[in-house]
């Protein structure tokens, strides 16, 4: 049912940003909205380079 690629997409674009949002709500006060926004943006983009690298290796037929 869940392939490795599907699991990676869900983890990178749903689970990790949700954890970043929760951490920003718990750990960062309202007086620092820029820090909260930065943490959420980093959480949303954290897996993108690795996902693109994996996609490239699959297109070429390699197994990494």
Protein backbone atom coordinates (compact mmCIF):
# COMPACT_ATOMS: atom_id res chain seq x y z
CA UNK A 1 0.00 0.00 0.00
CA UNK A 2 2.62 2.60 1.07
CA UNK A 3 5.63 2.73 -1.18
CA UNK A 4 8.88 4.25 -0.01
CA UNK A 5 8.34 7.31 -2.18
CA UNK A 6 4.83 7.91 -0.87
CA UNK A 7 6.03 7.55 2.71
CA UNK A 8 8.88 10.01 2.05
CA UNK A 9 6.49 12.56 0.53
CA UNK A 10 4.07 12.34 3.44
CA UNK A 11 6.88 12.53 5.98
CA UNK A 12 8.60 15.49 4.30
CA UNK A 13 5.57 17.60 3.46
CA UNK A 14 3.06 16.75 6.20
CA UNK A 15 4.68 15.25 9.29
CA UNK A 16 7.85 17.37 9.56
CA UNK A 17 6.08 20.73 8.97
CA UNK A 18 3.46 19.74 11.55
CA UNK A 19 6.19 18.99 14.08
CA UNK A 20 7.90 22.31 13.25
CA UNK A 21 4.62 24.16 13.74
CA UNK A 22 3.99 22.45 17.06
CA UNK A 23 7.53 23.14 18.24
CA UNK A 24 7.22 26.80 17.26
CA UNK A 25 3.97 27.13 19.19
CA UNK A 26 5.43 25.50 22.29
CA UNK A 27 8.94 26.93 22.36
CA UNK A 28 8.83 30.41 20.79
CA UNK A 29 7.03 33.31 22.42
CA UNK A 30 4.68 35.67 20.58
CA UNK A 31 7.25 38.47 20.79
CA UNK A 32 9.39 36.72 18.15
CA UNK A 33 7.10 36.10 15.14
CA UNK A 34 10.00 36.08 12.66
CA UNK A 35 11.72 33.25 14.50
CA UNK A 36 8.50 31.24 14.49
CA UNK A 37 8.06 31.80 10.74
CA UNK A 38 11.68 30.82 10.08
CA UNK A 39 11.35 27.57 12.01
CA UNK A 40 8.22 26.63 10.07
CA UNK A 41 9.88 27.45 6.72
CA UNK A 42 12.94 25.36 7.56
CA UNK A 43 10.65 22.52 8.63
CA UNK A 44 8.80 22.68 5.31
CA UNK A 45 11.96 22.61 3.19
CA UNK A 46 14.12 20.23 5.19
CA UNK A 47 13.72 17.11 3.03
CA UNK A 48 13.52 18.72 -0.40
CA UNK A 49 17.19 18.28 -1.43
CA UNK A 50 17.21 14.63 -0.43
CA UNK A 51 13.92 13.94 -2.16
CA UNK A 52 15.15 15.54 -5.40
CA UNK A 53 18.37 13.51 -5.22
CA UNK A 54 16.41 10.29 -4.75
CA UNK A 55 14.12 11.14 -7.67
CA UNK A 56 17.13 11.68 -9.92
CA UNK A 57 18.64 8.33 -9.04
CA UNK A 58 15.35 6.57 -9.76
CA UNK A 59 15.03 8.21 -13.17
CA UNK A 60 18.46 6.93 -14.21
CA UNK A 61 17.65 3.42 -13.08
CA UNK A 62 20.18 3.43 -10.25
CA UNK A 63 19.53 2.10 -6.80
CA UNK A 64 20.90 4.25 -4.01
